[in-house]
C-alpha atoms as a PDB file:
ATOM      1  CA  MET A   1     123.297 143.559 152.738  1.00  0.00           C
ATOM      2  CA  THR A   2     122.693 139.840 153.090  1.00  0.00           C
ATOM      3  CA  PRO A   3     119.270 138.234 153.352  1.00  0.00           C
ATOM      4  CA  GLU A   4     119.930 137.633 157.003  1.00  0.00           C
ATOM      5  CA  GLN A   5     120.745 141.300 157.636  1.00  0.00           C
ATOM      6  CA  LEU A   6     117.605 142.452 155.752  1.00  0.00           C
ATOM      7  CA  THR A   7     115.313 140.143 157.726  1.00  0.00           C
ATOM      8  CA  ALA A   8     117.004 141.247 160.952  1.00  0.00           C
ATOM      9  CA  GLU A   9     116.270 144.903 160.048  1.00  0.00           C
ATOM     10  CA  ALA A  10     112.732 143.956 159.222  1.00  0.00           C
ATOM     11  CA  THR A  11     112.351 142.172 162.548  1.00  0.00           C
ATOM     12  CA  THR A  12     113.405 145.367 164.345  1.00  0.00           C
ATOM     13  CA  MET A  13     110.947 147.484 162.396  1.00  0.00           C
ATOM     14  CA  LEU A  14     108.087 145.094 163.189  1.00  0.00           C
ATOM     15  CA  SER A  15     109.027 144.822 166.836  1.00  0.00           C
ATOM     16  CA  GLU A  16     109.110 148.617 167.246  1.00  0.00           C
ATOM     17  CA  VAL A  17     105.357 148.902 166.407  1.00  0.00           C
ATOM     18  CA  GLY A  18     104.440 145.958 168.653  1.00  0.00           C
ATOM     19  CA  ILE A  19     103.860 143.273 165.992  1.00  0.00           C
ATOM     20  CA  PRO A  20     103.756 139.892 167.781  1.00  0.00           C
ATOM     21  CA  ASN A  21     106.384 137.373 166.728  1.00  0.00           C
ATOM     22  CA  PRO A  22     108.312 139.888 164.559  1.00  0.00           C
ATOM     23  CA  ARG A  23     111.082 137.479 163.571  1.00  0.00           C
ATOM     24  CA  ARG A  24     108.531 134.882 162.328  1.00  0.00           C
ATOM     25  CA  GLU A  25     106.629 137.545 160.398  1.00  0.00           C
ATOM     26  CA  ALA A  26     109.812 138.924 158.825  1.00  0.00           C
ATOM     27  CA  ARG A  27     110.669 135.522 157.502  1.00  0.00           C
ATOM     28  CA  LEU A  28     107.079 134.974 156.201  1.00  0.00           C
ATOM     29  CA  LEU A  29     107.214 138.312 154.411  1.00  0.00           C
ATOM     30  CA  TRP A  30     110.545 137.274 152.830  1.00  0.00           C
ATOM     31  CA  GLN A  31     108.957 134.090 151.566  1.00  0.00           C
ATOM     32  CA  ALA A  32     106.038 136.153 150.176  1.00  0.00           C
ATOM     33  CA  ALA A  33     108.295 138.553 148.394  1.00  0.00           C
ATOM     34  CA  PHE A  34     110.380 135.835 146.811  1.00  0.00           C
ATOM     35  CA  PRO A  35     108.327 132.672 146.559  1.00  0.00           C
ATOM     36  CA  ASP A  36     109.878 131.153 143.537  1.00  0.00           C
ATOM     37  CA  HIS A  37     113.583 131.222 144.022  1.00  0.00           C
ATOM     38  CA  TYR A  38     116.435 131.471 146.495  1.00  0.00           C
ATOM     39  CA  ILE A  39     117.849 134.981 146.974  1.00  0.00           C
ATOM     40  CA  ASP A  40     121.556 135.417 147.775  1.00  0.00           C
ATOM     41  CA  HIS A  41     123.810 138.404 148.341  1.00  0.00           C
ATOM     42  CA  ASN A  42     124.524 138.961 144.677  1.00  0.00           C
ATOM     43  CA  ASP A  43     120.789 139.096 143.832  1.00  0.00           C
ATOM     44  CA  LEU A  44     120.362 141.975 146.269  1.00  0.00           C
ATOM     45  CA  SER A  45     123.254 144.081 145.004  1.00  0.00           C
ATOM     46  CA  ASP A  46     121.158 146.585 143.008  1.00  0.00           C
ATOM     47  CA  GLY A  47     118.665 147.172 145.824  1.00  0.00           C
ATOM     48  CA  THR A  48     115.576 146.435 143.675  1.00  0.00           C
ATOM     49  CA  LEU A  49     114.713 143.174 145.299  1.00  0.00           C
ATOM     50  CA  ALA A  50     115.448 144.514 148.812  1.00  0.00           C
ATOM     51  CA  GLU A  51     112.950 147.380 148.099  1.00  0.00           C
ATOM     52  CA  LYS A  52     110.359 144.766 147.046  1.00  0.00           C
ATOM     53  CA  TYR A  53     110.781 143.079 150.418  1.00  0.00           C
ATOM     54  CA  PHE A  54     110.649 146.277 152.428  1.00  0.00           C
ATOM     55  CA  ASP A  55     107.520 147.389 150.619  1.00  0.00           C
ATOM     56  CA  LEU A  56     105.782 144.455 152.263  1.00  0.00           C
ATOM     57  CA  VAL A  57     107.461 145.166 155.605  1.00  0.00           C
ATOM     58  CA  ARG A  58     106.315 148.790 155.576  1.00  0.00           C
ATOM     59  CA  ARG A  59     102.783 147.682 154.760  1.00  0.00           C
ATOM     60  CA  ARG A  60     102.813 145.364 157.782  1.00  0.00           C
ATOM     61  CA  VAL A  61     104.282 148.073 159.958  1.00  0.00           C
ATOM     62  CA  ALA A  62     101.237 150.117 158.903  1.00  0.00           C
ATOM     63  CA  ARG A  63      99.133 147.244 160.322  1.00  0.00           C
ATOM     64  CA  GLU A  64      97.967 145.692 157.051  1.00  0.00           C
ATOM     65  CA  PRO A  65      97.162 142.045 157.996  1.00  0.00           C
ATOM     66  CA  LEU A  66      99.909 139.581 157.438  1.00  0.00           C
ATOM     67  CA  SER A  67      97.502 137.233 155.736  1.00  0.00           C
ATOM     68  CA  HIS A  68      96.731 139.909 153.117  1.00  0.00           C
ATOM     69  CA  LEU A  69     100.412 140.343 152.443  1.00  0.00           C
ATOM     70  CA  VAL A  70     101.239 136.645 152.120  1.00  0.00           C
ATOM     71  CA  GLY A  71      97.874 135.812 150.527  1.00  0.00           C
ATOM     72  CA  TYR A  72      96.700 132.999 152.787  1.00  0.00           C
ATOM     73  CA  ARG A  73      95.778 131.889 156.223  1.00  0.00           C
ATOM     74  CA  ASP A  74      96.151 128.396 157.709  1.00  0.00           C
ATOM     75  CA  PHE A  75      92.851 127.362 159.288  1.00  0.00           C
ATOM     76  CA  TYR A  76      91.893 123.989 160.908  1.00  0.00           C
ATOM     77  CA  ALA A  77      93.375 121.402 158.461  1.00  0.00           C
ATOM     78  CA  HIS A  78      93.870 123.513 155.261  1.00  0.00           C
ATOM     79  CA  ARG A  79      95.410 126.623 153.815  1.00  0.00           C
ATOM     80  CA  PHE A  80      92.913 129.203 152.478  1.00  0.00           C
ATOM     81  CA  LEU A  81      93.388 132.137 150.167  1.00  0.00           C
ATOM     82  CA  VAL A  82      92.292 135.380 151.772  1.00  0.00           C
ATOM     83  CA  SER A  83      92.012 138.983 150.665  1.00  0.00           C
ATOM     84  CA  ALA A  84      90.497 142.281 151.839  1.00  0.00           C
ATOM     85  CA  ASP A  85      87.136 140.967 150.592  1.00  0.00           C
ATOM     86  CA  VAL A  86      86.781 138.336 153.285  1.00  0.00           C
ATOM     87  CA  LEU A  87      87.294 137.948 157.057  1.00  0.00           C
ATOM     88  CA  ASP A  88      90.599 136.601 158.056  1.00  0.00           C
ATOM     89  CA  PRO A  89      89.930 133.081 159.424  1.00  0.00           C
ATOM     90  CA  ARG A  90      90.895 132.895 163.129  1.00  0.00           C
ATOM     91  CA  PRO A  91      91.682 130.026 165.507  1.00  0.00           C
ATOM     92  CA  ASP A  92      88.594 130.984 167.643  1.00  0.00           C
ATOM     93  CA  THR A  93      86.345 129.926 164.734  1.00  0.00           C
ATOM     94  CA  GLU A  94      87.855 126.450 164.815  1.00  0.00           C
ATOM     95  CA  THR A  95      85.628 125.886 167.863  1.00  0.00           C
ATOM     96  CA  LEU A  96      82.679 125.932 165.491  1.00  0.00           C
ATOM     97  CA  ILE A  97      84.298 123.319 163.280  1.00  0.00           C
ATOM     98  CA  VAL A  98      85.109 121.023 166.215  1.00  0.00           C
ATOM     99  CA  THR A  99      81.479 121.381 167.553  1.00  0.00           C
ATOM    100  CA  ALA A 100      79.953 120.614 164.175  1.00  0.00           C
ATOM    101  CA  LEU A 101      82.088 117.511 163.745  1.00  0.00           C
ATOM    102  CA  GLU A 102      80.888 116.052 167.056  1.00  0.00           C
ATOM    103  CA  ASP A 103      77.973 114.576 165.179  1.00  0.00           C
ATOM    104  CA  GLN A 104      77.214 113.317 161.667  1.00  0.00           C
ATOM    105  CA  PHE A 105      75.844 115.425 158.906  1.00  0.00           C
ATOM    106  CA  SER A 106      75.424 114.993 155.130  1.00  0.00           C
ATOM    107  CA  ASN A 107      74.046 118.360 153.967  1.00  0.00           C
ATOM    108  CA  VAL A 108      75.403 121.673 155.387  1.00  0.00           C
ATOM    109  CA  LEU A 109      74.516 125.265 154.808  1.00  0.00           C
ATOM    110  CA  ASP A 110      77.051 127.964 155.681  1.00  0.00           C
ATOM    111  CA  LEU A 111      75.504 131.503 155.955  1.00  0.00           C
ATOM    112  CA  GLY A 112      77.910 134.359 155.391  1.00  0.00           C
ATOM    113  CA  THR A 113      80.531 132.014 154.024  1.00  0.00           C
ATOM    114  CA  GLY A 114      83.227 134.604 153.311  1.00  0.00           C
ATOM    115  CA  SER A 115      86.427 132.706 152.265  1.00  0.00           C
ATOM    116  CA  GLY A 116      84.483 129.403 152.520  1.00  0.00           C
ATOM    117  CA  CYS A 117      86.782 128.215 155.317  1.00  0.00           C
ATOM    118  CA  ILE A 118      83.979 126.880 157.492  1.00  0.00           C
ATOM    119  CA  LEU A 119      82.015 125.117 154.803  1.00  0.00           C
ATOM    120  CA  LEU A 120      85.043 123.646 153.101  1.00  0.00           C
ATOM    121  CA  SER A 121      86.680 122.469 156.385  1.00  0.00           C
ATOM    122  CA  LEU A 122      83.414 120.621 157.222  1.00  0.00           C
ATOM    123  CA  VAL A 123      82.922 119.079 153.836  1.00  0.00           C
ATOM    124  CA  ALA A 124      86.513 118.001 153.570  1.00  0.00           C
ATOM    125  CA  ALA A 125      86.312 116.305 157.003  1.00  0.00           C
ATOM    126  CA  ARG A 126      83.191 114.277 156.176  1.00  0.00           C
ATOM    127  CA  THR A 127      83.451 111.922 153.213  1.00  0.00           C
ATOM    128  CA  GLY A 128      80.263 112.160 151.115  1.00  0.00           C
ATOM    129  CA  ALA A 129      79.056 115.343 152.773  1.00  0.00           C
ATOM    130  CA  LYS A 130      77.770 118.164 150.542  1.00  0.00           C
ATOM    131  CA  GLY A 131      77.205 121.873 151.258  1.00  0.00           C
ATOM    132  CA  ILE A 132      76.241 125.295 150.119  1.00  0.00           C
ATOM    133  CA  GLY A 133      78.002 128.504 151.081  1.00  0.00           C
ATOM    134  CA  ALA A 134      75.881 131.683 150.861  1.00  0.00           C
ATOM    135  CA  ASP A 135      77.061 135.275 151.050  1.00  0.00           C
ATOM    136  CA  VAL A 136      75.778 138.651 149.931  1.00  0.00           C
ATOM    137  CA  SER A 137      79.171 139.653 148.635  1.00  0.00           C
ATOM    138  CA  VAL A 138      80.100 138.653 145.111  1.00  0.00           C
ATOM    139  CA  GLU A 139      83.800 139.403 145.912  1.00  0.00           C
ATOM    140  CA  ALA A 140      83.753 137.068 148.906  1.00  0.00           C
ATOM    141  CA  LEU A 141      82.103 134.327 146.830  1.00  0.00           C
ATOM    142  CA  SER A 142      84.907 134.636 144.286  1.00  0.00           C
ATOM    143  CA  VAL A 143      87.513 133.934 146.995  1.00  0.00           C
ATOM    144  CA  ALA A 144      85.455 131.036 148.337  1.00  0.00           C
ATOM    145  CA  GLN A 145      85.176 129.453 144.858  1.00  0.00           C
ATOM    146  CA  LYS A 146      88.971 129.658 144.465  1.00  0.00           C
ATOM    147  CA  ASN A 147      89.475 127.920 147.778  1.00  0.00           C
ATOM    148  CA  CYS A 148      86.947 125.261 146.744  1.00  0.00           C
ATOM    149  CA  ALA A 149      88.872 124.647 143.606  1.00  0.00           C
ATOM    150  CA  ASN A 150      92.231 124.509 145.379  1.00  0.00           C
ATOM    151  CA  LEU A 151      90.759 121.871 147.721  1.00  0.00           C
ATOM    152  CA  GLU A 152      89.209 119.968 144.815  1.00  0.00           C
ATOM    153  CA  LEU A 153      85.796 120.033 146.440  1.00  0.00           C
ATOM    154  CA  GLU A 154      83.771 121.433 143.531  1.00  0.00           C
ATOM    155  CA  SER A 155      81.723 118.256 143.288  1.00  0.00           C
ATOM    156  CA  ARG A 156      80.585 118.555 146.941  1.00  0.00           C
ATOM    157  CA  ALA A 157      80.475 122.267 147.683  1.00  0.00           C
ATOM    158  CA  SER A 158      78.802 125.121 145.805  1.00  0.00           C
ATOM    159  CA  PHE A 159      78.230 128.884 146.454  1.00  0.00           C
ATOM    160  CA  ILE A 160      75.311 131.200 145.999  1.00  0.00           C
ATOM    161  CA  GLN A 161      74.740 134.910 146.394  1.00  0.00           C
ATOM    162  CA  SER A 162      72.052 135.311 149.032  1.00  0.00           C
ATOM    163  CA  ASP A 163      71.179 137.828 151.753  1.00  0.00           C
ATOM    164  CA  TRP A 164      70.959 135.163 154.552  1.00  0.00           C
ATOM    165  CA  PHE A 165      68.091 132.835 153.556  1.00  0.00           C
ATOM    166  CA  ALA A 166      66.648 134.990 150.826  1.00  0.00           C
ATOM    167  CA  GLU A 167      67.723 132.653 147.954  1.00  0.00           C
ATOM    168  CA  ILE A 168      67.959 129.446 149.933  1.00  0.00           C
ATOM    169  CA  THR A 169      65.608 126.536 149.282  1.00  0.00           C
ATOM    170  CA  GLY A 170      65.476 123.075 150.780  1.00  0.00           C
ATOM    171  CA  GLN A 171      66.445 121.629 154.149  1.00  0.00           C
ATOM    172  CA  PHE A 172      69.768 120.826 155.742  1.00  0.00           C
ATOM    173  CA  ASP A 173      70.863 118.632 158.643  1.00  0.00           C
ATOM    174  CA  LEU A 174      73.415 121.265 159.641  1.00  0.00           C
ATOM    175  CA  ILE A 175      73.394 125.058 159.376  1.00  0.00           C
ATOM    176  CA  VAL A 176      76.399 127.027 160.514  1.00  0.00           C
ATOM    177  CA  SER A 177      77.334 130.699 160.482  1.00  0.00           C
ATOM    178  CA  ASN A 178      79.901 133.193 161.735  1.00  0.00           C
ATOM    179  CA  PRO A 179      77.844 136.336 161.162  1.00  0.00           C
ATOM    180  CA  PRO A 180      78.792 139.949 161.740  1.00  0.00           C
ATOM    181  CA  TYR A 181      78.446 140.272 165.519  1.00  0.00           C
ATOM    182  CA  ILE A 182      80.538 143.340 166.510  1.00  0.00           C
ATOM    183  CA  ALA A 183      78.226 146.025 167.890  1.00  0.00           C
ATOM    184  CA  LEU A 184      78.655 149.508 166.337  1.00  0.00           C
ATOM    185  CA  ASP A 185      79.936 150.922 169.642  1.00  0.00           C
ATOM    186  CA  GLU A 186      82.631 148.223 169.839  1.00  0.00           C
ATOM    187  CA  MET A 187      84.161 148.876 166.392  1.00  0.00           C
ATOM    188  CA  ASP A 188      86.664 151.504 167.601  1.00  0.00           C
ATOM    189  CA  ASP A 189      88.143 149.013 170.060  1.00  0.00           C
ATOM    190  CA  LEU A 190      89.132 146.522 167.338  1.00  0.00           C
ATOM    191  CA  GLN A 191      92.767 146.087 166.293  1.00  0.00           C
ATOM    192  CA  PRO A 192      93.682 148.200 163.226  1.00  0.00           C
ATOM    193  CA  GLU A 193      94.334 145.075 161.173  1.00  0.00           C
ATOM    194  CA  VAL A 194      90.597 144.247 161.597  1.00  0.00           C
ATOM    195  CA  ARG A 195      89.017 147.719 161.776  1.00  0.00           C
ATOM    196  CA  LEU A 196      90.831 149.141 158.786  1.00  0.00           C
ATOM    197  CA  HIS A 197      91.436 146.214 156.508  1.00  0.00           C
ATOM    198  CA  GLU A 198      88.683 143.676 156.797  1.00  0.00           C
ATOM    199  CA  PRO A 199      85.202 144.085 155.211  1.00  0.00           C
ATOM    200  CA  ARG A 200      83.004 146.131 157.504  1.00  0.00           C
ATOM    201  CA  LEU A 201      79.927 144.326 156.253  1.00  0.00           C
ATOM    202  CA  ALA A 202      81.333 141.079 157.717  1.00  0.00           C
ATOM    203  CA  LEU A 203      82.224 142.668 161.064  1.00  0.00           C
ATOM    204  CA  THR A 204      79.268 144.675 162.223  1.00  0.00           C
ATOM    205  CA  ASP A 205      75.528 145.092 161.696  1.00  0.00           C
ATOM    206  CA  GLU A 206      75.903 148.810 162.479  1.00  0.00           C
ATOM    207  CA  ALA A 207      73.653 148.208 165.452  1.00  0.00           C
ATOM    208  CA  ASP A 208      73.739 145.992 168.578  1.00  0.00           C
ATOM    209  CA  GLY A 209      75.545 143.005 166.990  1.00  0.00           C
ATOM    210  CA  LEU A 210      72.507 140.672 167.116  1.00  0.00           C
ATOM    211  CA  THR A 211      70.676 141.556 163.846  1.00  0.00           C
ATOM    212  CA  ALA A 212      71.993 138.520 161.916  1.00  0.00           C
ATOM    213  CA  TYR A 213      71.215 136.144 164.816  1.00  0.00           C
ATOM    214  CA  ARG A 214      67.599 137.315 164.877  1.00  0.00           C
ATOM    215  CA  ILE A 215      67.285 136.450 161.153  1.00  0.00           C
ATOM    216  CA  ILE A 216      69.188 133.201 161.381  1.00  0.00           C
ATOM    217  CA  CYS A 217      67.426 131.861 164.452  1.00  0.00           C
ATOM    218  CA  ARG A 218      64.000 132.906 163.182  1.00  0.00           C
ATOM    219  CA  ASP A 219      64.331 131.366 159.686  1.00  0.00           C
ATOM    220  CA  SER A 220      66.534 128.258 160.398  1.00  0.00           C
ATOM    221  CA  PRO A 221      63.660 126.003 161.503  1.00  0.00           C
ATOM    222  CA  ALA A 222      62.087 126.142 158.067  1.00  0.00           C
ATOM    223  CA  HIS A 223      65.411 124.889 156.615  1.00  0.00           C
ATOM    224  CA  LEU A 224      66.389 122.285 159.193  1.00  0.00           C
ATOM    225  CA  THR A 225      65.532 118.609 159.015  1.00  0.00           C
ATOM    226  CA  PRO A 226      64.088 117.040 162.216  1.00  0.00           C
ATOM    227  CA  GLY A 227      67.031 116.729 164.550  1.00  0.00           C
ATOM    228  CA  GLY A 228      69.077 119.059 162.404  1.00  0.00           C
ATOM    229  CA  ARG A 229      71.547 121.368 164.128  1.00  0.00           C
ATOM    230  CA  LEU A 230      72.075 125.155 164.060  1.00  0.00           C
ATOM    231  CA  ILE A 231      75.602 126.187 165.222  1.00  0.00           C
ATOM    232  CA  VAL A 232      76.776 129.825 165.257  1.00  0.00           C
ATOM    233  CA  GLU A 233      79.855 131.630 166.362  1.00  0.00           C
ATOM    234  CA  ILE A 234      79.262 134.506 168.805  1.00  0.00           C
ATOM    235  CA  GLY A 235      81.043 137.308 170.551  1.00  0.00           C
ATOM    236  CA  PRO A 236      82.061 136.415 174.159  1.00  0.00           C
ATOM    237  CA  THR A 237      79.189 138.449 175.705  1.00  0.00           C
ATOM    238  CA  GLN A 238      76.362 137.209 173.474  1.00  0.00           C
ATOM    239  CA  ALA A 239      75.720 133.648 174.704  1.00  0.00           C
ATOM    240  CA  ALA A 240      72.542 134.442 176.683  1.00  0.00           C
ATOM    241  CA  ALA A 241      70.987 136.637 174.011  1.00  0.00           C
ATOM    242  CA  VAL A 242      71.589 134.115 171.205  1.00  0.00           C
ATOM    243  CA  SER A 243      70.476 131.232 173.293  1.00  0.00           C
ATOM    244  CA  LYS A 244      67.188 132.975 173.905  1.00  0.00           C
ATOM    245  CA  LEU A 245      66.703 133.682 170.245  1.00  0.00           C
ATOM    246  CA  MET A 246      67.189 129.955 169.539  1.00  0.00           C
ATOM    247  CA  SER A 247      64.775 129.019 172.271  1.00  0.00           C
ATOM    248  CA  ASP A 248      62.175 131.479 171.060  1.00  0.00           C
ATOM    249  CA  ALA A 249      62.445 129.940 167.585  1.00  0.00           C
ATOM    250  CA  GLY A 250      61.647 126.476 168.983  1.00  0.00           C
ATOM    251  CA  LEU A 251      65.097 125.054 168.955  1.00  0.00           C
ATOM    252  CA  VAL A 252      66.129 122.647 171.734  1.00  0.00           C
ATOM    253  CA  ASN A 253      69.226 121.205 173.394  1.00  0.00           C
ATOM    254  CA  ILE A 254      70.803 124.634 173.376  1.00  0.00           C
ATOM    255  CA  ARG A 255      74.391 124.753 174.721  1.00  0.00           C
ATOM    256  CA  VAL A 256      77.248 127.223 174.776  1.00  0.00           C
ATOM    257  CA  VAL A 257      80.745 126.024 173.809  1.00  0.00           C
ATOM    258  CA  PRO A 258      83.884 127.926 174.895  1.00  0.00           C
ATOM    259  CA  ASP A 259      86.852 128.524 172.705  1.00  0.00           C
ATOM    260  CA  PHE A 260      90.389 127.403 173.449  1.00  0.00           C
ATOM    261  CA  ASN A 261      90.844 130.428 175.731  1.00  0.00           C
ATOM    262  CA  GLY A 262      87.779 129.622 177.758  1.00  0.00           C
ATOM    263  CA  ARG A 263      85.564 132.415 176.325  1.00  0.00           C
ATOM    264  CA  ASP A 264      82.026 131.738 175.104  1.00  0.00           C
ATOM    265  CA  ARG A 265      82.431 131.264 171.378  1.00  0.00           C
ATOM    266  CA  VAL A 266      79.699 129.016 169.929  1.00  0.00           C
ATOM    267  CA  VAL A 267      76.060 128.384 170.560  1.00  0.00           C
ATOM    268  CA  ALA A 268      74.665 125.092 169.273  1.00  0.00           C
ATOM    269  CA  SER A 269      71.045 123.898 169.098  1.00  0.00           C
ATOM    270  CA  GLU A 270      68.829 121.302 167.450  1.00  0.00           C
ATOM    271  CA  MET A 271      65.517 121.123 165.661  1.00  0.00           C
ATOM    272  CA  PRO A 272      63.087 118.886 167.605  1.00  0.00           C
ATOM    273  CA  LYS A 273      62.822 115.426 166.103  1.00  0.00           C
END
């Protein structure tokens, strides 16, 4: 079989299980299987290389995330390494980036940094800005550090193992977070790519989905400069609850920002000046 015939067969397999954009994914999987050289008909004659390709295709049919199979996800302005140890960066989270970039900042803290995509996107977009990414997961921090090195931001971004603010000192003019906000009773409704293959610790608090926000909103004022901002991603039904937590903590100028699909996605607030 030719490469074209193999990718056509893969497209059919992906389509039959409802994978969106199956032709595109079949081609991306081909590139992931053979990243270093061109494959022609003769290369495929013994079937070994074809089997290498279809191993990836079968894993995708089983709903393993495409990003885990190709090893990266494009997010905002950069390409980030991802693995099963971190959340897969999603376009919805770019709303947080856009909101944060509406104003100036020089020192940013990213709580629950995961792959580092939020922190590194912000630092890369602001010349001279520096930041810290905190995560309780050593495995996630390893991925974030690799992304930092790939973007050559080691002089402006660093990472620390911390359970939210536990190991954090100092103040920041911007604190951001995309914490685990899926309620326990919502987990079964998630797509299998998410439910079965992404770190559960980064998805749910095993409770009502608001545990992390209670901690972040309560403790952020001690780590924000006057006029400093707290910006968090939320689930689409959590705007009122998170806004109240911010208000109760003494934060002001609270606003809800929708994502590109019009759903509540970000809540932003400020420390009084």
